[in-house]
Amino acid sequence: MLNTATKSEAPGTEQELTDGFHLVIDALKLNGINTIYNVPGIPITDLGRMAQAAGIRVISFRHEQNAGYAAGIAGYLTKKPGVCLTVSAPGFLNGLTALAHATTNCYPMILISGSSEREIVDLQQGDYEEMDQLAIAKPLCKAAYRVLHAQDIGIGFARAIRAAVSGRPGGVYLDLPAKLFGQVMNADAGQKSLVKVIDAAPAQIPSPASVKRALDVLKAAKRPLIILGKGAAYAQADEEIKNFVEKSGVPFLPMSMAKGLLPDTHPQCAGAARSTVLKESDVVMLIGARLNWLLSHGKGKSWGEAPKKFIQVDIEPKEMDSNVEIVAPVVGDIGSVVSAFNQAMGSSWTAPPAEWTKAITSKREENVAKMAPKLMNNKSPMDYHGALGVLKNVIKDHPEAILVNEGANTLDLARGVIDMYRPRKRLDVGTWGVMGIGMGQAIAAALETGHPVLAVEGDSAFGFSGMEVETICRYNLPICVVIFNNDGIYRGTDVNGANSDPATTVFVKGARYDKMMEAFGGVGVNATSPDELKRAVNEAMTSGKPTLINAVIDPAAGSESGRIGNLNPQSVLQKKK
């Protein structure tokens, strides 16, 4: 039913009316979208108020970029488009980074922005926050639409929803000029104009020939490897993927956000032997993973000298052969493809050679044994390994918790140290490697799942979204934020020898981030040893109270650019004396 009771007052013409505000709200509700992440302001303040009154949960952030990151990860977790609502121009631009991030990472998201009036913008007459937002958004998202007439709101939202979730998911921009909200139309006509999207993301069945080709290549391998990407986790085909991996007997390597799709402690998991399996494998099957920079583009030193054959499962045909030849491309949605694999494998699939699987097991156990003493140290101030050893055990004890992780060293080391046990429980910076996703993703994860969240942040990464601790407290969310504070970016020991300014990578020494959380009514703790960190995190996970732990890390700990220092160009010139 339309959310309206407005009536015209002309004698003899009384009729029920609706307007753009109500039609937007009704279009969202009709399509099962019940949460909006936003920053209120002109011209969308009343839209947020009215949506909240109509039963939609409207979560207000302190910065649009963080609201956008929340919407993007909500889309990833739910397979429904997460919605971010912003004001015009500056607010739109703040949300645009998150929209591009969602598109790059294949998260279904809709950025809805109010905008200035077309007739003024097009003549460049200087309207309030004047900007041609549609033109700016188009190159940075999967699709972009503008709605100018109230009767087109239903179609506009239907197109946005379908574009966001169908095929390879991504970000969609929806431009709503301020004048649209006040447009009035007959309520019955308005109701008829709304569209409930049917089968928004239809299954894309792989061809039988491609399934047979892929399995033939995999079966002939002497040293096969399966790489699971976050696309495999997004698919929510968890049982089908588990059955396929176990039936094949092939070792698997999870990318960071695919960790937990099968437990990292699974006997076939090669996560702790990553270098070995990449270099020595002869056939690699990619499921929902792309051969981008995160996998060294499928070539070069990290892939070793052994010739490789690649099988790739992806819903996007253009992804095939993007960096290296794919000998067995399988185009389709992951659930349908893996189901077809399971059916075609039959009951007599031959496991990979024992020599290969035993070699991986041996290397994995060797690496785990080497790492164990580092994770058990109780140094004060802490190093990364001592702190992460604590958090590794916290997640083991709370496998339902969602881990949000960002930073340089904090991200790179946590990815390898902290085991995950269930799918879609590890959320991080994704394909772009962006900083600033932490608080937005933590907030959305808590709201969308109802589970506790452990956000492990580098002190630099936290700075991009730190003010959202107020949002965490305002909504009383079960989020524990742990900041690895080593006084700077990478390290806190750099020195500026030219003048009295601090070095470019150095922060305030001894900063107490925990005081920020206390300022808004949450729990703040300063932890200087692994034992103190353990007590504080366990208390937070038990209490469910908004908590921020300032984990004091040795300023000398950490390496330049984390584990991707090779991407940081170096000058070959020496400064002249």
Protein backbone atom coordinates (compact mmCIF):
# COMPACT_ATOMS: atom_id res chain seq x y z
CA MET A 1 0.00 0.00 0.00
CA LEU A 2 1.25 3.47 -0.79
CA ASN A 3 2.51 5.41 2.19
CA THR A 4 0.23 8.43 1.73
CA ALA A 5 -3.03 9.97 2.81
CA THR A 6 -2.69 13.33 1.10
CA LYS A 7 -5.84 14.63 -0.62
CA SER A 8 -6.48 17.52 -2.97
CA GLU A 9 -8.76 20.21 -1.60
CA ALA A 10 -10.54 21.47 -4.76
CA PRO A 11 -14.33 21.06 -4.30
CA GLY A 12 -15.70 18.03 -6.05
CA THR A 13 -12.28 16.72 -7.08
CA GLU A 14 -11.11 15.13 -3.86
CA GLN A 15 -8.69 12.30 -4.56
CA GLU A 16 -5.88 10.54 -2.82
CA LEU A 17 -2.47 11.84 -3.88
CA THR A 18 1.11 10.78 -3.47
CA ASP A 19 4.41 12.51 -4.16
CA GLY A 20 8.03 11.80 -5.00
CA PHE A 21 9.06 11.32 -1.37
CA HIS A 22 6.50 8.59 -0.82
CA LEU A 23 7.08 6.92 -4.18
CA VAL A 24 10.81 6.56 -3.48
CA ILE A 25 10.07 5.01 -0.10
CA ASP A 26 7.41 2.70 -1.51
CA ALA A 27 9.71 1.58 -4.35
CA LEU A 28 12.38 0.59 -1.83
CA LYS A 29 9.95 -1.24 0.45
CA LEU A 30 8.29 -3.04 -2.44
CA ASN A 31 11.68 -4.51 -3.35
CA GLY A 32 12.62 -5.57 0.15
CA ILE A 33 15.18 -2.85 0.81
CA ASN A 34 14.76 -2.04 4.48
CA THR A 35 18.00 -0.25 5.40
CA ILE A 36 19.46 3.03 4.15
CA TYR A 37 22.95 4.26 5.04
CA ASN A 38 23.08 8.04 4.82
CA VAL A 39 24.26 11.49 5.87
CA PRO A 40 21.24 13.82 6.05
CA GLY A 41 21.12 17.28 4.49
CA ILE A 42 19.59 19.30 1.63
CA PRO A 43 17.67 17.99 -0.32
CA ILE A 44 17.26 14.55 1.24
CA THR A 45 16.75 15.31 4.95
CA ASP A 46 12.97 14.81 4.87
CA LEU A 47 13.32 11.70 2.73
CA GLY A 48 15.35 10.10 5.52
CA ARG A 49 12.85 11.17 8.16
CA MET A 50 9.89 9.86 6.18
CA ALA A 51 11.65 6.59 5.34
CA GLN A 52 12.35 6.04 9.03
CA ALA A 53 8.71 6.79 9.87
CA ALA A 54 7.66 4.24 7.24
CA GLY A 55 9.66 1.47 8.92
CA ILE A 56 12.90 1.59 6.93
CA ARG A 57 15.99 1.59 9.09
CA VAL A 58 17.93 4.78 8.33
CA ILE A 59 21.49 4.76 9.70
CA SER A 60 23.07 8.20 9.78
CA PHE A 61 26.86 8.46 9.51
CA ARG A 62 29.30 11.31 10.04
CA HIS A 63 30.75 11.12 6.51
CA GLU A 64 29.24 9.90 3.24
CA GLN A 65 32.24 7.81 2.27
CA ASN A 66 31.78 5.65 5.36
CA ALA A 67 28.04 5.35 4.70
CA GLY A 68 28.94 4.21 1.19
CA TYR A 69 31.40 1.59 2.40
CA ALA A 70 28.67 0.33 4.72
CA ALA A 71 26.19 0.08 1.84
CA GLY A 72 28.70 -1.74 -0.36
CA ILE A 73 29.53 -4.40 2.19
CA ALA A 74 25.83 -4.76 3.06
CA GLY A 75 25.31 -5.68 -0.58
CA TYR A 76 28.12 -8.24 -0.40
CA LEU A 77 26.69 -9.84 2.74
CA THR A 78 23.05 -9.94 1.63
CA LYS A 79 23.16 -10.15 -2.20
CA LYS A 80 20.65 -7.26 -2.21
CA PRO A 81 21.82 -3.80 -3.23
CA GLY A 82 23.01 -1.80 -0.25
CA VAL A 83 21.67 1.76 -0.44
CA CYS A 84 23.64 4.89 0.37
CA LEU A 85 21.76 8.21 0.40
CA THR A 86 23.67 11.48 0.12
CA VAL A 87 23.14 15.17 -0.40
CA SER A 88 24.13 16.86 -3.65
CA ALA A 89 27.60 17.76 -5.04
CA PRO A 90 30.11 17.47 -2.14
CA GLY A 91 28.11 14.72 -0.45
CA PHE A 92 27.69 12.93 -3.77
CA LEU A 93 31.44 13.14 -4.39
CA ASN A 94 32.15 11.75 -0.93
CA GLY A 95 29.91 8.78 -1.68
CA LEU A 96 31.38 8.29 -5.14
CA THR A 97 34.61 6.77 -3.84
CA ALA A 98 32.61 4.05 -2.12
CA LEU A 99 30.51 3.53 -5.25
CA ALA A 100 33.61 3.02 -7.39
CA HIS A 101 34.99 0.72 -4.69
CA ALA A 102 31.78 -1.35 -4.80
CA THR A 103 31.97 -1.62 -8.58
CA THR A 104 35.62 -2.70 -8.51
CA ASN A 105 34.87 -5.31 -5.86
CA CYS A 106 31.60 -6.49 -7.45
CA TYR A 107 29.40 -5.47 -4.52
CA PRO A 108 25.78 -4.61 -5.39
CA MET A 109 25.20 -1.05 -4.21
CA ILE A 110 23.01 1.92 -5.16
CA LEU A 111 24.18 5.45 -4.46
CA ILE A 112 21.14 7.75 -4.36
CA SER A 113 21.97 11.44 -4.37
CA GLY A 114 19.78 14.49 -4.38
CA SER A 115 20.88 16.98 -7.01
CA SER A 116 20.38 20.55 -8.20
CA GLU A 117 17.74 21.45 -10.75
CA ARG A 118 18.45 20.43 -14.31
CA GLU A 119 17.44 23.65 -16.01
CA ILE A 120 19.91 25.64 -13.88
CA VAL A 121 22.71 23.05 -13.99
CA ASP A 122 22.51 22.67 -17.76
CA LEU A 123 22.78 26.43 -18.30
CA GLN A 124 25.50 26.63 -15.61
CA GLN A 125 23.69 29.42 -13.82
CA GLY A 126 25.16 28.69 -10.41
CA ASP A 127 22.57 26.71 -8.45
CA TYR A 128 23.14 25.57 -4.85
CA GLU A 129 25.77 22.81 -5.04
CA GLU A 130 25.53 22.84 -8.82
CA MET A 131 27.03 19.79 -10.50
CA ASP A 132 26.22 17.44 -13.35
CA GLN A 133 26.39 14.43 -11.07
CA LEU A 134 25.15 11.88 -13.59
CA ALA A 135 27.97 12.68 -16.01
CA ILE A 136 30.58 12.40 -13.27
CA ALA A 137 29.23 9.10 -11.94
CA LYS A 138 28.92 7.25 -15.26
CA PRO A 139 32.58 6.27 -15.73
CA LEU A 140 32.90 5.06 -12.15
CA CYS A 141 30.00 2.65 -11.78
CA LYS A 142 28.21 -0.16 -13.56
CA ALA A 143 25.19 1.97 -14.52
CA ALA A 144 23.81 5.46 -13.84
CA TYR A 145 20.26 6.80 -14.15
CA ARG A 146 18.42 10.06 -13.49
CA VAL A 147 14.71 10.28 -12.67
CA LEU A 148 12.99 13.55 -13.59
CA HIS A 149 9.30 12.65 -13.22
CA ALA A 150 7.47 11.08 -10.29
CA GLN A 151 5.76 8.54 -12.54
CA ASP A 152 9.20 7.17 -13.51
CA ILE A 153 10.44 6.53 -9.96
CA GLY A 154 9.27 2.92 -10.02
CA ILE A 155 11.05 2.18 -13.28
CA GLY A 156 14.16 4.06 -12.17
CA PHE A 157 14.51 2.00 -9.02
CA ALA A 158 13.76 -1.24 -10.85
CA ARG A 159 16.53 -0.54 -13.35
CA ALA A 160 18.96 0.37 -10.59
CA ILE A 161 18.22 -2.77 -8.58
CA ARG A 162 18.50 -5.10 -11.56
CA ALA A 163 21.71 -3.48 -12.77
CA ALA A 164 23.29 -3.73 -9.31
CA VAL A 165 22.72 -7.47 -8.76
CA SER A 166 22.54 -9.07 -12.22
CA GLY A 167 25.52 -10.61 -13.97
CA ARG A 168 28.68 -9.33 -12.30
CA PRO A 169 27.31 -7.20 -9.44
CA GLY A 170 28.41 -3.60 -9.01
CA GLY A 171 27.62 -0.06 -8.07
CA VAL A 172 24.75 1.94 -9.60
CA TYR A 173 24.13 5.66 -9.34
CA LEU A 174 20.59 7.06 -9.13
CA ASP A 175 20.22 10.83 -9.50
CA LEU A 176 17.13 12.41 -7.92
CA PRO A 177 16.83 16.19 -8.48
CA ALA A 178 15.35 18.11 -5.55
CA LYS A 179 12.23 19.09 -7.50
CA LEU A 180 11.32 15.43 -8.00
CA PHE A 181 10.51 14.86 -4.34
CA GLY A 182 7.73 17.43 -4.29
CA GLN A 183 6.03 16.29 -7.50
CA VAL A 184 2.46 15.15 -6.84
CA MET A 185 0.40 12.55 -8.71
CA ASN A 186 -2.70 10.44 -8.26
CA ALA A 187 -2.07 7.76 -5.63
CA ASP A 188 -3.60 4.93 -7.70
CA ALA A 189 -1.50 5.87 -10.70
CA GLY A 190 1.53 6.11 -8.44
CA GLN A 191 0.94 2.63 -7.08
CA LYS A 192 0.61 1.22 -10.59
CA SER A 193 3.85 2.91 -11.60
CA LEU A 194 5.89 0.98 -9.03
CA VAL A 195 7.79 -2.12 -10.16
CA LYS A 196 8.61 -5.18 -8.10
CA VAL A 197 11.74 -6.61 -9.67
CA ILE A 198 11.31 -10.28 -10.56
CA ASP A 199 14.33 -12.60 -10.77
CA ALA A 200 16.79 -9.71 -10.55
CA ALA A 201 19.85 -11.98 -10.78
CA PRO A 202 18.82 -14.98 -12.90
CA ALA A 203 21.02 -18.06 -12.91
CA GLN A 204 23.50 -18.20 -15.76
CA ILE A 205 23.98 -21.85 -16.58
CA PRO A 206 27.39 -22.90 -17.97
CA SER A 207 27.59 -24.79 -21.22
CA PRO A 208 28.08 -28.56 -20.82
CA ALA A 209 31.11 -28.40 -23.11
CA SER A 210 32.84 -25.84 -20.89
CA VAL A 211 32.16 -27.94 -17.78
CA LYS A 212 33.61 -31.06 -19.40
CA ARG A 213 36.65 -29.18 -20.69
CA ALA A 214 37.40 -27.75 -17.25
CA LEU A 215 37.09 -31.10 -15.48
CA ASP A 216 39.22 -32.84 -18.10
CA VAL A 217 42.02 -30.32 -17.57
CA LEU A 218 41.72 -30.61 -13.79
CA LYS A 219 41.68 -34.41 -13.87
CA ALA A 220 44.86 -34.55 -15.98
CA ALA A 221 46.81 -32.35 -13.55
CA LYS A 222 49.70 -33.67 -11.52
CA ARG A 223 49.84 -30.69 -9.17
CA PRO A 224 46.38 -29.05 -9.22
CA LEU A 225 45.30 -26.05 -7.17
CA ILE A 226 41.92 -24.38 -6.60
CA ILE A 227 41.91 -20.66 -5.79
CA LEU A 228 38.72 -19.38 -4.13
CA GLY A 229 38.00 -15.66 -4.46
CA LYS A 230 35.51 -13.41 -2.72
CA GLY A 231 33.15 -14.00 -5.65
CA ALA A 232 32.86 -17.59 -4.43
CA ALA A 233 31.94 -16.34 -0.96
CA TYR A 234 29.45 -13.82 -2.38
CA ALA A 235 27.68 -16.60 -4.30
CA GLN A 236 26.46 -18.21 -1.06
CA ALA A 237 26.85 -21.62 -2.70
CA ASP A 238 28.74 -22.79 0.35
CA GLU A 239 27.72 -26.46 0.41
CA GLU A 240 28.18 -26.93 -3.33
CA ILE A 241 31.69 -25.45 -3.16
CA LYS A 242 32.60 -27.51 -0.10
CA ASN A 243 31.37 -30.69 -1.79
CA PHE A 244 33.31 -29.92 -4.95
CA VAL A 245 36.58 -29.16 -3.18
CA GLU A 246 36.37 -32.23 -0.98
CA LYS A 247 35.23 -34.51 -3.80
CA SER A 248 38.11 -33.34 -5.99
CA GLY A 249 40.70 -33.73 -3.25
CA VAL A 250 42.51 -30.71 -4.73
CA PRO A 251 44.34 -28.32 -2.38
CA PHE A 252 42.69 -24.92 -2.20
CA LEU A 253 44.02 -21.43 -1.59
CA PRO A 254 41.50 -18.87 -0.32
CA MET A 255 41.89 -15.21 -1.17
CA SER A 256 41.45 -13.01 1.90
CA MET A 257 37.67 -12.52 1.81
CA ALA A 258 37.13 -16.15 0.80
CA LYS A 259 38.79 -17.34 4.00
CA GLY A 260 36.32 -19.43 5.98
CA LEU A 261 34.37 -20.60 2.94
CA LEU A 262 36.00 -23.83 4.04
CA PRO A 263 37.79 -23.52 7.39
CA ASP A 264 41.39 -22.38 7.19
CA THR A 265 42.18 -25.45 9.31
CA HIS A 266 40.73 -27.78 6.65
CA PRO A 267 43.26 -30.46 5.64
CA GLN A 268 43.13 -29.33 1.99
CA CYS A 269 43.74 -25.66 2.80
CA ALA A 270 47.06 -24.47 1.37
CA GLY A 271 46.91 -20.97 2.86
CA ALA A 272 50.02 -21.55 4.98
CA ALA A 273 51.89 -22.88 1.92
CA ARG A 274 50.87 -20.13 -0.51
CA SER A 275 54.29 -19.55 -2.07
CA THR A 276 54.82 -23.25 -2.65
CA VAL A 277 51.49 -23.96 -4.34
CA LEU A 278 51.64 -20.90 -6.60
CA LYS A 279 55.12 -21.75 -7.83
CA GLU A 280 54.77 -25.51 -8.19
CA SER A 281 51.20 -26.08 -9.35
CA ASP A 282 50.63 -27.11 -12.97
CA VAL A 283 46.84 -26.54 -13.21
CA VAL A 284 45.08 -23.73 -11.38
CA MET A 285 41.29 -23.44 -11.18
CA LEU A 286 40.04 -19.96 -10.26
CA ILE A 287 36.56 -19.81 -8.74
CA GLY A 288 35.34 -16.26 -8.26
CA ALA A 289 38.91 -14.94 -8.26
CA ARG A 290 40.58 -12.66 -10.79
CA LEU A 291 44.16 -12.75 -12.00
CA ASN A 292 44.79 -9.15 -11.03
CA TRP A 293 47.60 -7.60 -8.97
CA LEU A 294 46.57 -9.61 -5.90
CA LEU A 295 47.70 -12.75 -7.78
CA SER A 296 50.58 -11.06 -9.61
CA HIS A 297 48.51 -11.18 -12.82
CA GLY A 298 49.09 -14.93 -13.09
CA LYS A 299 52.74 -14.60 -14.10
CA GLY A 300 56.19 -13.63 -12.93
CA LYS A 301 58.42 -14.68 -10.07
CA SER A 302 55.66 -15.60 -7.61
CA TRP A 303 54.29 -18.16 -10.07
CA GLY A 304 57.64 -19.91 -10.57
CA GLU A 305 58.98 -21.67 -13.63
CA ALA A 306 56.53 -24.57 -13.84
CA PRO A 307 54.21 -24.23 -16.87
CA LYS A 308 50.66 -23.40 -15.85
CA LYS A 309 47.24 -24.14 -17.25
CA PHE A 310 44.43 -21.97 -15.95
CA ILE A 311 40.76 -22.85 -15.57
CA GLN A 312 38.57 -19.89 -14.72
CA VAL A 313 35.00 -19.77 -13.42
CA ASP A 314 33.43 -16.31 -13.74
CA ILE A 315 30.09 -14.79 -14.64
CA GLU A 316 31.79 -12.14 -16.79
CA PRO A 317 33.09 -13.46 -20.16
CA LYS A 318 35.42 -10.47 -20.60
CA GLU A 319 37.36 -11.53 -17.52
CA MET A 320 38.79 -14.52 -19.38
CA ASP A 321 42.28 -14.10 -20.88
CA SER A 322 42.65 -10.74 -19.13
CA ASN A 323 46.28 -11.41 -18.21
CA VAL A 324 47.17 -14.94 -19.30
CA GLU A 325 45.59 -17.57 -21.51
CA ILE A 326 42.67 -19.40 -19.91
CA VAL A 327 42.61 -22.89 -21.40
CA ALA A 328 39.24 -23.77 -19.88
CA PRO A 329 36.92 -20.79 -19.37
CA VAL A 330 33.60 -21.55 -17.69
CA VAL A 331 31.11 -18.71 -17.90
CA GLY A 332 28.19 -18.81 -15.50
CA ASP A 333 27.14 -17.99 -11.98
CA ILE A 334 29.27 -19.80 -9.44
CA GLY A 335 26.45 -21.75 -7.83
CA SER A 336 25.31 -23.16 -11.16
CA VAL A 337 28.86 -23.90 -12.33
CA VAL A 338 29.96 -25.73 -9.19
CA SER A 339 26.70 -27.66 -9.11
CA ALA A 340 27.38 -28.73 -12.71
CA PHE A 341 30.91 -29.76 -11.73
CA ASN A 342 29.59 -31.93 -8.90
CA GLN A 343 27.10 -33.65 -11.17
CA ALA A 344 29.61 -34.24 -13.95
CA MET A 345 32.35 -35.62 -11.69
CA GLY A 346 30.44 -38.78 -11.01
CA SER A 347 31.32 -41.10 -8.13
CA SER A 348 34.78 -42.24 -9.20
CA TRP A 349 36.83 -39.04 -9.30
CA THR A 350 40.55 -39.73 -8.88
CA ALA A 351 42.29 -37.72 -6.18
CA PRO A 352 45.47 -35.75 -7.04
CA PRO A 353 48.78 -37.59 -6.66
CA ALA A 354 49.62 -38.18 -3.00
CA GLU A 355 53.13 -36.86 -3.59
CA TRP A 356 51.64 -33.40 -4.29
CA THR A 357 49.17 -33.28 -1.43
CA LYS A 358 51.66 -34.63 1.10
CA ALA A 359 54.26 -32.08 0.03
CA ILE A 360 51.75 -29.28 0.64
CA THR A 361 50.73 -30.69 4.00
CA SER A 362 54.36 -30.94 5.04
CA LYS A 363 55.12 -27.36 3.98
CA ARG A 364 51.99 -26.05 5.69
CA GLU A 365 52.84 -27.77 8.96
CA GLU A 366 56.44 -26.54 8.76
CA ASN A 367 55.33 -22.92 8.28
CA VAL A 368 52.72 -23.12 11.03
CA ALA A 369 55.32 -24.53 13.44
CA LYS A 370 57.75 -21.71 12.56
CA MET A 371 55.11 -19.08 13.21
CA ALA A 372 53.80 -20.51 16.50
CA PRO A 373 56.50 -19.12 18.85
CA LYS A 374 56.14 -15.63 17.37
CA LEU A 375 52.41 -15.66 18.11
CA MET A 376 52.94 -16.66 21.74
CA ASN A 377 55.29 -13.87 22.80
CA ASN A 378 54.23 -11.45 25.55
CA LYS A 379 56.41 -8.45 24.68
CA SER A 380 55.57 -4.97 25.90
CA PRO A 381 55.26 -2.88 23.83
CA MET A 382 53.76 -5.50 21.58
CA ASP A 383 54.92 -6.56 18.15
CA TYR A 384 52.40 -7.47 15.47
CA HIS A 385 52.73 -11.20 15.94
CA GLY A 386 52.18 -11.17 19.70
CA ALA A 387 49.04 -9.06 19.29
CA LEU A 388 47.72 -11.11 16.39
CA GLY A 389 48.31 -14.34 18.29
CA VAL A 390 45.75 -13.10 20.82
CA LEU A 391 43.21 -12.16 18.15
CA LYS A 392 43.70 -15.48 16.36
CA ASN A 393 42.48 -17.25 19.50
CA VAL A 394 39.60 -14.80 19.98
CA ILE A 395 38.22 -15.64 16.53
CA LYS A 396 38.76 -19.35 17.19
CA ASP A 397 36.64 -19.00 20.33
CA HIS A 398 34.05 -16.82 18.56
CA PRO A 399 33.76 -18.23 15.01
CA GLU A 400 30.44 -16.44 14.52
CA ALA A 401 32.14 -13.04 14.90
CA ILE A 402 32.89 -10.97 11.83
CA LEU A 403 36.46 -9.77 11.39
CA VAL A 404 36.95 -6.41 9.67
CA ASN A 405 40.58 -5.73 8.83
CA GLU A 406 42.53 -2.90 7.26
CA GLY A 407 45.93 -1.27 7.39
CA ALA A 408 49.33 -2.00 5.87
CA ASN A 409 51.23 -4.36 8.18
CA THR A 410 48.07 -4.85 10.24
CA LEU A 411 46.20 -6.12 7.17
CA ASP A 412 49.00 -8.13 5.59
CA LEU A 413 49.96 -10.01 8.73
CA ALA A 414 46.43 -10.55 10.03
CA ARG A 415 45.41 -12.07 6.70
CA GLY A 416 47.91 -14.88 7.20
CA VAL A 417 47.75 -15.29 10.97
CA ILE A 418 44.05 -15.23 11.85
CA ASP A 419 42.21 -18.38 10.78
CA MET A 420 38.59 -18.09 9.68
CA TYR A 421 36.06 -20.88 10.11
CA ARG A 422 32.84 -19.72 8.46
CA PRO A 423 32.04 -17.99 5.17
CA ARG A 424 31.74 -14.22 4.81
CA LYS A 425 33.22 -13.61 8.24
CA ARG A 426 36.33 -11.78 7.01
CA LEU A 427 35.81 -8.35 5.45
CA ASP A 428 38.71 -6.20 4.33
CA VAL A 429 39.97 -3.67 1.80
CA GLY A 430 39.27 -5.85 -1.24
CA THR A 431 40.56 -5.44 -4.76
CA TRP A 432 41.56 -1.78 -4.58
CA GLY A 433 43.38 -2.10 -1.27
CA VAL A 434 41.76 1.14 -0.09
CA MET A 435 42.12 2.62 3.38
CA GLY A 436 39.08 3.79 5.31
CA ILE A 437 36.63 0.91 4.95
CA GLY A 438 36.90 -0.10 8.60
CA MET A 439 34.16 1.61 10.57
CA GLY A 440 31.65 1.65 7.71
CA GLN A 441 32.03 -2.08 7.09
CA ALA A 442 31.98 -2.85 10.82
CA ILE A 443 28.73 -0.94 11.31
CA ALA A 444 27.00 -2.59 8.34
CA ALA A 445 28.26 -6.05 9.34
CA ALA A 446 26.81 -5.66 12.83
CA LEU A 447 23.49 -4.31 11.53
CA GLU A 448 23.00 -6.77 8.67
CA THR A 449 24.00 -9.94 10.55
CA GLY A 450 23.35 -9.24 14.22
CA HIS A 451 26.71 -10.84 15.01
CA PRO A 452 29.56 -9.30 17.02
CA VAL A 453 32.27 -7.54 15.03
CA LEU A 454 36.00 -7.36 15.70
CA ALA A 455 37.57 -4.54 13.68
CA VAL A 456 41.37 -4.77 13.57
CA GLU A 457 42.79 -1.47 12.36
CA GLY A 458 46.15 0.06 11.69
CA ASP A 459 46.39 3.49 13.31
CA SER A 460 46.69 5.12 9.89
CA ALA A 461 43.72 3.23 8.45
CA PHE A 462 41.56 4.09 11.45
CA GLY A 463 42.13 7.78 10.85
CA PHE A 464 40.03 7.71 7.68
CA SER A 465 36.83 6.73 9.47
CA GLY A 466 37.55 7.17 13.18
CA MET A 467 34.77 9.66 13.85
CA GLU A 468 32.28 6.86 13.17
CA VAL A 469 32.96 5.54 16.67
CA GLU A 470 30.26 8.03 17.62
CA THR A 471 27.93 6.24 15.19
CA ILE A 472 28.83 2.91 16.79
CA CYS A 473 27.96 4.28 20.22
CA ARG A 474 24.80 6.05 19.01
CA TYR A 475 23.38 2.78 17.71
CA ASN A 476 24.91 0.76 20.57
CA LEU A 477 26.47 -1.81 18.26
CA PRO A 478 28.43 -4.91 19.40
CA ILE A 479 31.68 -3.75 17.79
CA CYS A 480 35.14 -4.07 19.31
CA VAL A 481 37.73 -1.92 17.53
CA VAL A 482 41.38 -2.82 18.09
CA ILE A 483 43.84 -0.20 16.86
CA PHE A 484 47.42 -1.35 16.32
CA ASN A 485 49.08 1.90 17.37
CA ASN A 486 52.75 2.14 16.42
CA ASP A 487 52.73 5.95 16.18
CA GLY A 488 52.77 6.18 12.41
CA ILE A 489 52.30 4.89 8.90
CA TYR A 490 54.28 1.65 8.49
CA ARG A 491 56.47 2.66 11.49
CA GLY A 492 56.55 5.50 13.96
CA THR A 493 60.30 5.98 13.92
CA ASP A 494 60.92 8.06 10.78
CA VAL A 495 62.79 11.35 11.27
CA ASN A 496 62.69 14.53 9.21
CA GLY A 497 66.27 15.76 8.91
CA ALA A 498 65.42 18.92 6.98
CA ASN A 499 63.42 20.98 9.50
CA SER A 500 61.35 20.76 12.66
CA ASP A 501 58.23 19.32 11.02
CA PRO A 502 57.42 15.71 11.91
CA ALA A 503 58.36 13.11 9.31
CA THR A 504 55.57 12.53 6.78
CA THR A 505 54.78 9.07 8.16
CA VAL A 506 54.80 9.91 11.88
CA PHE A 507 51.79 10.57 14.14
CA VAL A 508 51.49 11.98 17.67
CA LYS A 509 53.56 9.81 19.99
CA GLY A 510 51.63 7.86 22.57
CA ALA A 511 48.21 8.78 21.18
CA ARG A 512 45.28 7.39 23.18
CA TYR A 513 42.60 6.44 20.67
CA ASP A 514 40.66 4.70 23.42
CA LYS A 515 39.72 8.11 24.81
CA MET A 516 37.71 8.78 21.63
CA MET A 517 35.39 5.88 22.39
CA GLU A 518 35.04 6.94 26.02
CA ALA A 519 34.05 10.44 24.89
CA PHE A 520 30.90 9.00 23.27
CA GLY A 521 29.96 6.65 26.09
CA GLY A 522 31.67 3.49 24.90
CA VAL A 523 34.38 1.44 26.60
CA GLY A 524 37.99 2.50 26.02
CA VAL A 525 41.00 0.37 26.99
CA ASN A 526 44.72 0.98 26.66
CA ALA A 527 46.53 -2.36 26.21
CA THR A 528 50.33 -2.54 26.38
CA SER A 529 50.86 -6.32 26.34
CA PRO A 530 49.26 -9.38 24.75
CA ASP A 531 47.88 -10.40 28.15
CA GLU A 532 46.15 -7.04 28.56
CA LEU A 533 44.87 -7.20 24.98
CA LYS A 534 43.46 -10.68 25.56
CA ARG A 535 41.53 -9.61 28.65
CA ALA A 536 40.15 -6.49 26.97
CA VAL A 537 39.00 -8.19 23.75
CA ASN A 538 37.40 -11.13 25.56
CA GLU A 539 35.52 -8.71 27.81
CA ALA A 540 34.30 -6.77 24.78
CA MET A 541 33.15 -9.89 22.94
CA THR A 542 31.29 -11.07 26.04
CA SER A 543 29.66 -7.74 26.86
CA GLY A 544 28.72 -6.68 23.35
CA LYS A 545 29.39 -3.06 24.33
CA PRO A 546 30.96 -0.61 21.88
CA THR A 547 34.65 -0.91 22.72
CA LEU A 548 37.89 0.57 21.41
CA ILE A 549 41.22 -0.91 22.45
CA ASN A 550 44.37 1.11 21.89
CA ALA A 551 46.90 -1.71 21.37
CA VAL A 552 50.34 -0.19 21.87
CA ILE A 553 52.71 -1.59 19.24
CA ASP A 554 56.47 -1.04 19.17
CA PRO A 555 56.99 2.02 16.91
CA ALA A 556 59.84 0.18 15.18
CA ALA A 557 57.59 -2.75 14.29
CA GLY A 558 56.36 -2.93 10.73
CA SER A 559 57.89 -2.70 7.29
CA GLU A 560 57.63 -0.14 4.50
CA SER A 561 54.29 -0.55 2.68
CA GLY A 562 53.61 -3.82 4.43
CA ARG A 563 54.07 -6.74 2.05
CA ILE A 564 53.58 -4.76 -1.13
CA GLY A 565 56.65 -2.58 -0.86
CA ASN A 566 57.59 -3.67 -4.36
CA LEU A 567 54.73 -1.47 -5.62
CA ASN A 568 56.30 1.62 -4.04
CA PRO A 569 58.62 3.24 -6.64
CA GLN A 570 62.10 4.16 -5.46
CA SER A 571 64.32 6.98 -6.66
CA VAL A 572 67.63 5.83 -8.12
CA LEU A 573 69.15 9.29 -7.80
CA GLN A 574 71.35 10.30 -4.92
CA LYS A 575 70.90 13.72 -3.38
CA LYS A 576 73.78 15.97 -4.32
CA LYS A 577 75.92 17.11 -1.40
